Amino acid sequence: MAELLKNMFFKKDFFEKLSDQIVKEYPVFNREKFLKLVFNNEWEQKELKQRMRHGSNSLHELLPADYRKALGILMKASKGFSGFNAMIFSDYVEVYGLDDPEASIPALELFTQLCSSEFAVRPFIIKYPSLMIKQEKKWAKSKNPQVRRLAIEGFRPRLPWAMALPEFKKDPTLVLPVLEILINDKEESVRRSVSNNLNDIAKDNPNITLSFAKKRLGKSPEVDAVIKHALRTQLKSGDPTALALFGYKDKSNVSLKDFKISPSVISIGEKLNFSFTLLNKSKGPVKLRIEYAVYYLKSKGKYSRKVFKVTENTFKGKNISIKRSRSFADMTIRKHNPGKHKISIIVNGKELGIKEFILK
């Protein structure tokens, strides 16, 4: 069994190293008391983010009461840390520095270079929108790619596992100038963040993302990749405008035949095998985006439709045969319910056929 994520980070050796570094900058720091505060009787029951927050609170009890003095100590002590553990520094700023943006914003810029400050920056965006929009534009021009990435990822309207940004959900045009600056960034991680932000925008304002995409598609292979990833939700949902941007227009010249599933009854943990053939009825090559959807039965009897890509290509032959399988093993992100499920075949956004099977 895979190790729980919460047990992979914020281990004892991390807090011991953190204590040692703080003592170098602040000799009166009580190392032993800090470790006792962290590893109290409730530690094992805490989840990952709760452990990080508990660590921040424990630091606060033993660092100077003056926020700027405490922050200065942490900024010096943070050297030598990286990865998810280092997020505790930006978490400290999020919890205790919200009323002091003058000191906190430079600290978040420093800490994001150790591990992203994308979560910690969001309360500042909500409380100081005008200030943070100006700061976002400054970060977008930073020489450091992690800082440039923060200018995008931290300002996502719907960043997973983080508080939403209602103002940006309502009016995403506030962030578009920065997306424009960084869409052709030399770092792939920054460009990927541009895609993520645009994809977030599409969930509330699909036409804004589509308009942005239309104007920039074809500028370069790198920009095209950003746009395609940005439109992933709209492509999966079969949005005709998004599909047409990438040449997936024709649906009438393709038909589905020999759609088979095996077995028709499977147990949770097993795989469903399926195969089908697409008949190209046109005289020439046809450009196809081929997907399948699984209709997962939910606990209350409703269905949740999830789309999975098979392939996308230009096909020259008359018959296009596909074989695939889908696992129905339980996972952390998806638990299966016994009962009737469905699977369908989708071509260029159009569902061509559907079959039912039983999961027991």
Protein backbone atom coordinates (compact mmCIF):
# COMPACT_ATOMS: atom_id res chain seq x y z
CA MET A 1 0.00 0.00 0.00
CA ALA A 2 1.31 3.45 -0.94
CA GLU A 3 2.48 5.65 1.92
CA LEU A 4 -0.02 8.32 2.97
CA LEU A 5 0.93 11.73 1.63
CA LYS A 6 0.67 13.29 5.08
CA ASN A 7 3.41 10.94 6.31
CA MET A 8 5.79 11.88 3.50
CA PHE A 9 6.24 15.49 4.62
CA PHE A 10 6.71 17.42 7.86
CA LYS A 11 8.55 14.56 9.50
CA LYS A 12 10.57 14.87 12.69
CA ASP A 13 13.86 15.35 10.85
CA PHE A 14 12.42 18.37 9.02
CA PHE A 15 11.31 20.07 12.23
CA GLU A 16 14.65 19.26 13.88
CA LYS A 17 16.52 20.86 10.97
CA LEU A 18 14.15 23.84 11.03
CA SER A 19 14.78 24.27 14.78
CA ASP A 20 18.54 24.15 14.28
CA GLN A 21 18.39 26.83 11.58
CA ILE A 22 16.17 29.09 13.69
CA VAL A 23 18.48 28.76 16.70
CA LYS A 24 21.35 30.03 14.54
CA GLU A 25 19.38 33.22 13.85
CA TYR A 26 17.53 33.43 17.17
CA PRO A 27 19.57 31.71 19.93
CA VAL A 28 16.83 31.92 22.60
CA PHE A 29 14.49 29.75 20.49
CA ASN A 30 13.44 26.80 22.67
CA ARG A 31 14.12 23.84 20.39
CA GLU A 32 12.88 21.15 22.78
CA LYS A 33 9.64 22.96 23.57
CA PHE A 34 9.00 23.53 19.86
CA LEU A 35 9.30 19.83 19.06
CA LYS A 36 6.96 18.97 21.94
CA LEU A 37 4.44 21.52 20.68
CA VAL A 38 4.56 20.08 17.18
CA PHE A 39 4.40 16.40 18.07
CA ASN A 40 1.55 16.58 20.56
CA ASN A 41 -1.09 13.94 21.20
CA GLU A 42 -3.14 15.10 18.20
CA TRP A 43 -0.34 15.01 15.61
CA GLU A 44 -1.13 11.57 14.19
CA GLN A 45 -4.77 12.50 13.55
CA LYS A 46 -3.94 15.65 11.61
CA GLU A 47 -4.03 15.67 7.81
CA LEU A 48 -1.29 17.15 5.64
CA LYS A 49 -2.36 20.81 5.54
CA GLN A 50 -3.41 20.64 9.19
CA ARG A 51 0.12 19.51 10.07
CA MET A 52 1.60 22.42 8.15
CA ARG A 53 -0.71 24.89 9.88
CA HIS A 54 0.00 23.32 13.27
CA GLY A 55 3.72 23.78 12.58
CA SER A 56 3.16 27.46 11.76
CA ASN A 57 1.17 27.95 14.96
CA SER A 58 3.87 26.24 17.01
CA LEU A 59 6.51 28.53 15.51
CA HIS A 60 4.40 31.54 16.40
CA GLU A 61 4.33 30.55 20.07
CA LEU A 62 8.12 30.64 20.35
CA LEU A 63 9.21 33.30 17.87
CA PRO A 64 9.15 37.02 18.78
CA ALA A 65 5.66 38.48 19.10
CA ASP A 66 6.67 41.24 16.71
CA TYR A 67 5.71 39.89 13.27
CA ARG A 68 8.51 41.60 11.37
CA LYS A 69 11.16 40.30 13.74
CA ALA A 70 9.75 36.77 13.49
CA LEU A 71 9.54 37.03 9.71
CA GLY A 72 13.12 38.22 9.46
CA ILE A 73 14.27 35.17 11.41
CA LEU A 74 12.30 32.81 9.18
CA MET A 75 13.56 34.45 6.00
CA LYS A 76 17.14 33.85 7.08
CA ALA A 77 16.41 30.35 8.42
CA SER A 78 14.66 29.30 5.21
CA LYS A 79 17.94 29.03 3.31
CA GLY A 80 18.69 25.41 2.51
CA PHE A 81 15.04 24.31 2.44
CA SER A 82 13.07 23.37 -0.67
CA GLY A 83 10.14 21.24 -1.74
CA PHE A 84 6.76 20.88 -0.09
CA ASN A 85 8.18 21.14 3.45
CA ALA A 86 9.29 24.70 2.68
CA MET A 87 5.66 25.73 2.21
CA ILE A 88 5.49 26.19 5.98
CA PHE A 89 7.29 29.53 5.56
CA SER A 90 4.68 30.99 3.23
CA ASP A 91 1.96 29.47 5.41
CA TYR A 92 3.33 31.45 8.37
CA VAL A 93 3.00 34.63 6.30
CA GLU A 94 -0.56 33.72 5.31
CA VAL A 95 -1.61 33.22 8.93
CA TYR A 96 0.26 36.02 10.69
CA GLY A 97 1.20 38.56 8.05
CA LEU A 98 -2.04 39.53 6.37
CA ASP A 99 -2.18 42.92 8.11
CA ASP A 100 1.36 43.79 7.02
CA PRO A 101 1.51 43.48 3.22
CA GLU A 102 4.58 45.72 3.03
CA ALA A 103 6.66 43.08 4.81
CA SER A 104 4.72 40.01 3.70
CA ILE A 105 4.75 40.44 -0.07
CA PRO A 106 8.58 40.42 -0.40
CA ALA A 107 8.63 37.39 1.92
CA LEU A 108 6.15 35.52 -0.28
CA GLU A 109 8.33 36.34 -3.28
CA LEU A 110 11.33 34.84 -1.49
CA PHE A 111 9.47 31.76 -0.20
CA THR A 112 7.87 30.95 -3.56
CA GLN A 113 11.39 30.24 -4.83
CA LEU A 114 11.64 27.45 -2.24
CA CYS A 115 8.12 26.12 -2.69
CA SER A 116 5.20 27.90 -4.29
CA SER A 117 3.40 30.64 -2.35
CA GLU A 118 0.32 30.14 -4.56
CA PHE A 119 -1.90 29.27 -1.58
CA ALA A 120 -0.58 31.86 0.83
CA VAL A 121 -0.90 34.78 -1.59
CA ARG A 122 -4.65 34.40 -2.08
CA PRO A 123 -5.86 36.05 1.16
CA PHE A 124 -3.72 39.05 0.19
CA ILE A 125 -5.36 39.18 -3.25
CA ILE A 126 -8.80 39.17 -1.64
CA LYS A 127 -7.95 41.84 0.95
CA TYR A 128 -5.77 44.07 -1.24
CA PRO A 129 -6.95 43.50 -4.86
CA SER A 130 -5.57 46.70 -6.39
CA LEU A 131 -2.21 46.35 -4.65
CA MET A 132 -1.86 42.70 -5.63
CA ILE A 133 -2.79 43.26 -9.28
CA LYS A 134 0.07 45.77 -9.47
CA GLN A 135 2.33 43.28 -7.72
CA GLU A 136 1.27 40.52 -10.11
CA LYS A 137 2.49 42.60 -13.07
CA LYS A 138 5.84 43.14 -11.33
CA TRP A 139 6.20 39.42 -10.60
CA ALA A 140 5.40 38.63 -14.24
CA LYS A 141 8.61 40.45 -15.24
CA SER A 142 10.83 38.73 -12.66
CA LYS A 143 14.00 36.97 -13.76
CA ASN A 144 13.06 34.03 -11.53
CA PRO A 145 10.65 31.53 -13.17
CA GLN A 146 9.11 30.54 -9.84
CA VAL A 147 8.18 34.17 -9.20
CA ARG A 148 6.74 34.49 -12.71
CA ARG A 149 4.78 31.29 -12.10
CA LEU A 150 3.37 32.78 -8.88
CA ALA A 151 2.03 35.69 -10.93
CA ILE A 152 -0.17 33.15 -12.75
CA GLU A 153 -0.81 30.24 -10.42
CA GLY A 154 -1.49 32.38 -7.36
CA PHE A 155 -4.09 34.39 -9.29
CA ARG A 156 -6.04 31.43 -10.67
CA PRO A 157 -9.78 31.92 -10.05
CA ARG A 158 -10.27 28.27 -9.08
CA LEU A 159 -6.93 26.95 -7.81
CA PRO A 160 -7.58 23.40 -6.52
CA TRP A 161 -7.43 22.92 -2.74
CA ALA A 162 -7.33 26.68 -2.23
CA MET A 163 -9.80 29.46 -1.55
CA ALA A 164 -11.50 30.80 -4.67
CA LEU A 165 -11.01 34.36 -5.90
CA PRO A 166 -14.57 35.67 -6.42
CA GLU A 167 -13.47 38.93 -8.05
CA PHE A 168 -11.40 37.07 -10.64
CA LYS A 169 -14.19 34.57 -11.26
CA LYS A 170 -16.51 37.50 -11.94
CA ASP A 171 -14.05 39.54 -14.01
CA PRO A 172 -11.07 37.52 -15.26
CA THR A 173 -10.00 40.32 -17.58
CA LEU A 174 -8.04 41.63 -14.59
CA VAL A 175 -5.46 38.89 -15.09
CA LEU A 176 -5.44 38.72 -18.91
CA PRO A 177 -2.60 41.26 -19.36
CA VAL A 178 -0.29 39.04 -17.32
CA LEU A 179 -1.37 35.92 -19.21
CA GLU A 180 -0.47 37.82 -22.38
CA ILE A 181 2.99 38.60 -21.02
CA LEU A 182 3.75 35.01 -20.01
CA ILE A 183 2.00 32.89 -22.65
CA ASN A 184 5.27 32.61 -24.57
CA ASP A 185 7.55 32.35 -21.52
CA LYS A 186 10.74 30.36 -22.05
CA GLU A 187 9.91 28.10 -19.06
CA GLU A 188 7.38 25.35 -19.69
CA SER A 189 6.19 25.41 -16.06
CA VAL A 190 5.21 29.07 -16.46
CA ARG A 191 3.42 28.41 -19.74
CA ARG A 192 1.59 25.49 -18.14
CA SER A 193 0.37 27.85 -15.41
CA VAL A 194 -1.00 30.15 -18.10
CA SER A 195 -2.97 27.16 -19.44
CA ASN A 196 -4.26 26.35 -15.96
CA ASN A 197 -5.42 29.91 -15.38
CA LEU A 198 -7.19 30.07 -18.74
CA ASN A 199 -8.85 26.72 -18.06
CA ASP A 200 -10.11 28.09 -14.73
CA ILE A 201 -11.48 31.16 -16.50
CA ALA A 202 -13.29 28.94 -19.02
CA LYS A 203 -15.33 27.31 -16.27
CA ASP A 204 -17.04 30.61 -15.43
CA ASN A 205 -16.43 32.68 -18.58
CA PRO A 206 -15.92 30.27 -21.50
CA ASN A 207 -16.23 32.95 -24.17
CA ILE A 208 -13.36 34.95 -22.68
CA THR A 209 -11.02 31.97 -22.91
CA LEU A 210 -12.20 31.18 -26.44
CA SER A 211 -11.69 34.79 -27.56
CA PHE A 212 -8.21 34.83 -26.04
CA ALA A 213 -7.41 31.53 -27.78
CA LYS A 214 -8.65 32.60 -31.23
CA LYS A 215 -6.40 35.66 -31.27
CA ARG A 216 -3.25 33.76 -30.35
CA LEU A 217 -3.57 30.34 -31.94
CA GLY A 218 -0.98 29.82 -34.66
CA LYS A 219 1.60 32.22 -33.23
CA SER A 220 4.07 29.43 -32.37
CA PRO A 221 4.06 25.72 -31.46
CA GLU A 222 4.60 26.66 -27.81
CA VAL A 223 1.64 29.05 -27.76
CA ASP A 224 -0.53 26.50 -29.56
CA ALA A 225 0.29 23.95 -26.85
CA VAL A 226 -0.68 26.47 -24.16
CA ILE A 227 -3.99 27.18 -25.90
CA LYS A 228 -4.84 23.53 -26.40
CA HIS A 229 -4.21 22.70 -22.75
CA ALA A 230 -6.17 25.79 -21.72
CA LEU A 231 -9.18 24.54 -23.68
CA ARG A 232 -9.01 20.98 -22.34
CA THR A 233 -12.27 21.24 -20.39
CA GLN A 234 -14.12 22.71 -23.37
CA LEU A 235 -12.66 20.12 -25.72
CA LYS A 236 -13.75 17.30 -23.44
CA SER A 237 -17.22 18.76 -23.12
CA GLY A 238 -17.56 18.83 -26.91
CA ASP A 239 -17.65 22.60 -27.30
CA PRO A 240 -17.98 23.04 -31.11
CA THR A 241 -16.04 26.33 -31.21
CA ALA A 242 -13.11 24.89 -29.27
CA LEU A 243 -13.07 21.74 -31.43
CA ALA A 244 -13.22 23.78 -34.63
CA LEU A 245 -10.17 25.79 -33.60
CA PHE A 246 -8.12 22.60 -33.90
CA GLY A 247 -9.80 21.32 -37.06
CA TYR A 248 -12.21 18.85 -35.47
CA LYS A 249 -15.29 19.90 -37.40
CA ASP A 250 -16.68 17.04 -39.46
CA LYS A 251 -18.89 14.56 -37.62
CA SER A 252 -21.26 13.42 -40.36
CA ASN A 253 -18.67 11.50 -42.40
CA VAL A 254 -17.83 9.10 -39.59
CA SER A 255 -20.01 6.32 -38.21
CA LEU A 256 -19.55 3.78 -35.45
CA LYS A 257 -19.74 0.04 -35.99
CA ASP A 258 -18.85 -3.16 -34.13
CA PHE A 259 -18.90 -1.48 -30.71
CA LYS A 260 -18.34 -4.32 -28.24
CA ILE A 261 -17.67 -4.57 -24.50
CA SER A 262 -16.41 -7.58 -22.56
CA PRO A 263 -17.44 -8.80 -20.10
CA SER A 264 -20.86 -7.24 -19.58
CA VAL A 265 -20.63 -7.92 -15.84
CA ILE A 266 -17.44 -7.12 -13.90
CA SER A 267 -16.44 -6.86 -10.27
CA ILE A 268 -14.98 -3.76 -8.67
CA GLY A 269 -11.23 -4.00 -9.20
CA GLU A 270 -11.48 -5.61 -12.63
CA LYS A 271 -11.10 -4.16 -16.14
CA LEU A 272 -13.71 -3.59 -18.82
CA ASN A 273 -12.47 -4.32 -22.33
CA PHE A 274 -14.04 -2.55 -25.27
CA SER A 275 -13.45 -2.27 -28.99
CA PHE A 276 -15.01 -0.44 -31.92
CA THR A 277 -14.47 0.55 -35.51
CA LEU A 278 -15.01 3.96 -37.05
CA LEU A 279 -16.04 4.04 -40.69
CA ASN A 280 -14.63 6.98 -42.63
CA LYS A 281 -17.30 7.70 -45.26
CA SER A 282 -15.48 10.66 -46.81
CA LYS A 283 -13.35 10.38 -49.93
CA GLY A 284 -10.19 11.70 -48.31
CA PRO A 285 -8.43 11.83 -44.94
CA VAL A 286 -10.46 12.81 -41.89
CA LYS A 287 -9.20 14.59 -38.77
CA LEU A 288 -10.62 13.00 -35.64
CA ARG A 289 -10.49 13.47 -31.90
CA ILE A 290 -11.54 10.10 -30.49
CA GLU A 291 -12.65 9.79 -26.88
CA TYR A 292 -14.76 7.61 -24.65
CA ALA A 293 -16.93 8.53 -21.70
CA VAL A 294 -17.74 6.49 -18.62
CA TYR A 295 -21.00 7.20 -16.85
CA TYR A 296 -20.15 6.36 -13.24
CA LEU A 297 -23.10 5.46 -11.06
CA LYS A 298 -23.15 7.64 -7.95
CA SER A 299 -24.45 6.71 -4.52
CA LYS A 300 -27.77 8.51 -5.00
CA GLY A 301 -28.55 6.88 -8.33
CA LYS A 302 -27.34 9.70 -10.59
CA TYR A 303 -24.50 9.46 -13.08
CA SER A 304 -21.20 11.32 -13.29
CA ARG A 305 -19.80 11.48 -16.84
CA LYS A 306 -16.02 11.44 -17.23
CA VAL A 307 -14.38 11.76 -20.64
CA PHE A 308 -11.05 10.12 -21.54
CA LYS A 309 -9.06 10.75 -24.71
CA VAL A 310 -8.13 7.80 -26.93
CA THR A 311 -6.27 9.59 -29.71
CA GLU A 312 -6.41 12.48 -32.13
CA ASN A 313 -4.99 12.30 -35.61
CA THR A 314 -5.67 12.55 -39.31
CA PHE A 315 -6.79 9.15 -40.59
CA LYS A 316 -6.54 8.10 -44.23
CA GLY A 317 -8.15 4.65 -44.21
CA LYS A 318 -11.80 3.73 -44.40
CA ASN A 319 -11.82 1.65 -41.20
CA ILE A 320 -10.29 2.81 -37.95
CA SER A 321 -10.23 0.03 -35.36
CA ILE A 322 -9.65 0.75 -31.68
CA LYS A 323 -9.20 -1.52 -28.66
CA ARG A 324 -8.97 -0.27 -25.09
CA SER A 325 -9.63 -1.27 -21.48
CA ARG A 326 -10.71 0.65 -18.40
CA SER A 327 -9.88 -0.29 -14.83
CA PHE A 328 -12.60 -0.11 -12.21
CA ALA A 329 -10.30 -0.48 -9.22
CA ASP A 330 -11.09 1.85 -6.34
CA MET A 331 -8.71 4.79 -5.97
CA THR A 332 -8.28 7.65 -3.52
CA ILE A 333 -9.96 10.04 -5.95
CA ARG A 334 -12.72 7.67 -7.07
CA LYS A 335 -14.71 4.99 -5.27
CA HIS A 336 -17.00 2.82 -7.37
CA ASN A 337 -20.60 1.94 -6.65
CA PRO A 338 -22.13 -1.38 -7.72
CA GLY A 339 -24.91 -1.24 -10.29
CA LYS A 340 -25.49 -0.29 -13.91
CA HIS A 341 -22.80 1.85 -15.52
CA LYS A 342 -22.41 3.07 -19.11
CA ILE A 343 -19.62 3.65 -21.62
CA SER A 344 -19.86 5.66 -24.83
CA ILE A 345 -17.70 6.46 -27.85
CA ILE A 346 -17.20 10.12 -28.81
CA VAL A 347 -15.82 11.47 -32.08
CA ASN A 348 -15.18 15.20 -32.56
CA GLY A 349 -17.39 15.95 -29.59
CA LYS A 350 -20.34 13.83 -30.76
CA GLU A 351 -21.44 10.72 -28.88
CA LEU A 352 -21.87 7.98 -31.50
CA GLY A 353 -22.87 5.02 -29.37
CA ILE A 354 -23.40 3.90 -25.78
CA LYS A 355 -23.47 0.53 -23.99
CA GLU A 356 -24.38 -0.54 -20.47
CA PHE A 357 -22.56 -2.91 -18.16
CA ILE A 358 -22.96 -4.09 -14.58
CA LEU A 359 -20.39 -3.43 -11.88
CA LYS A 360 -20.73 -5.67 -8.85
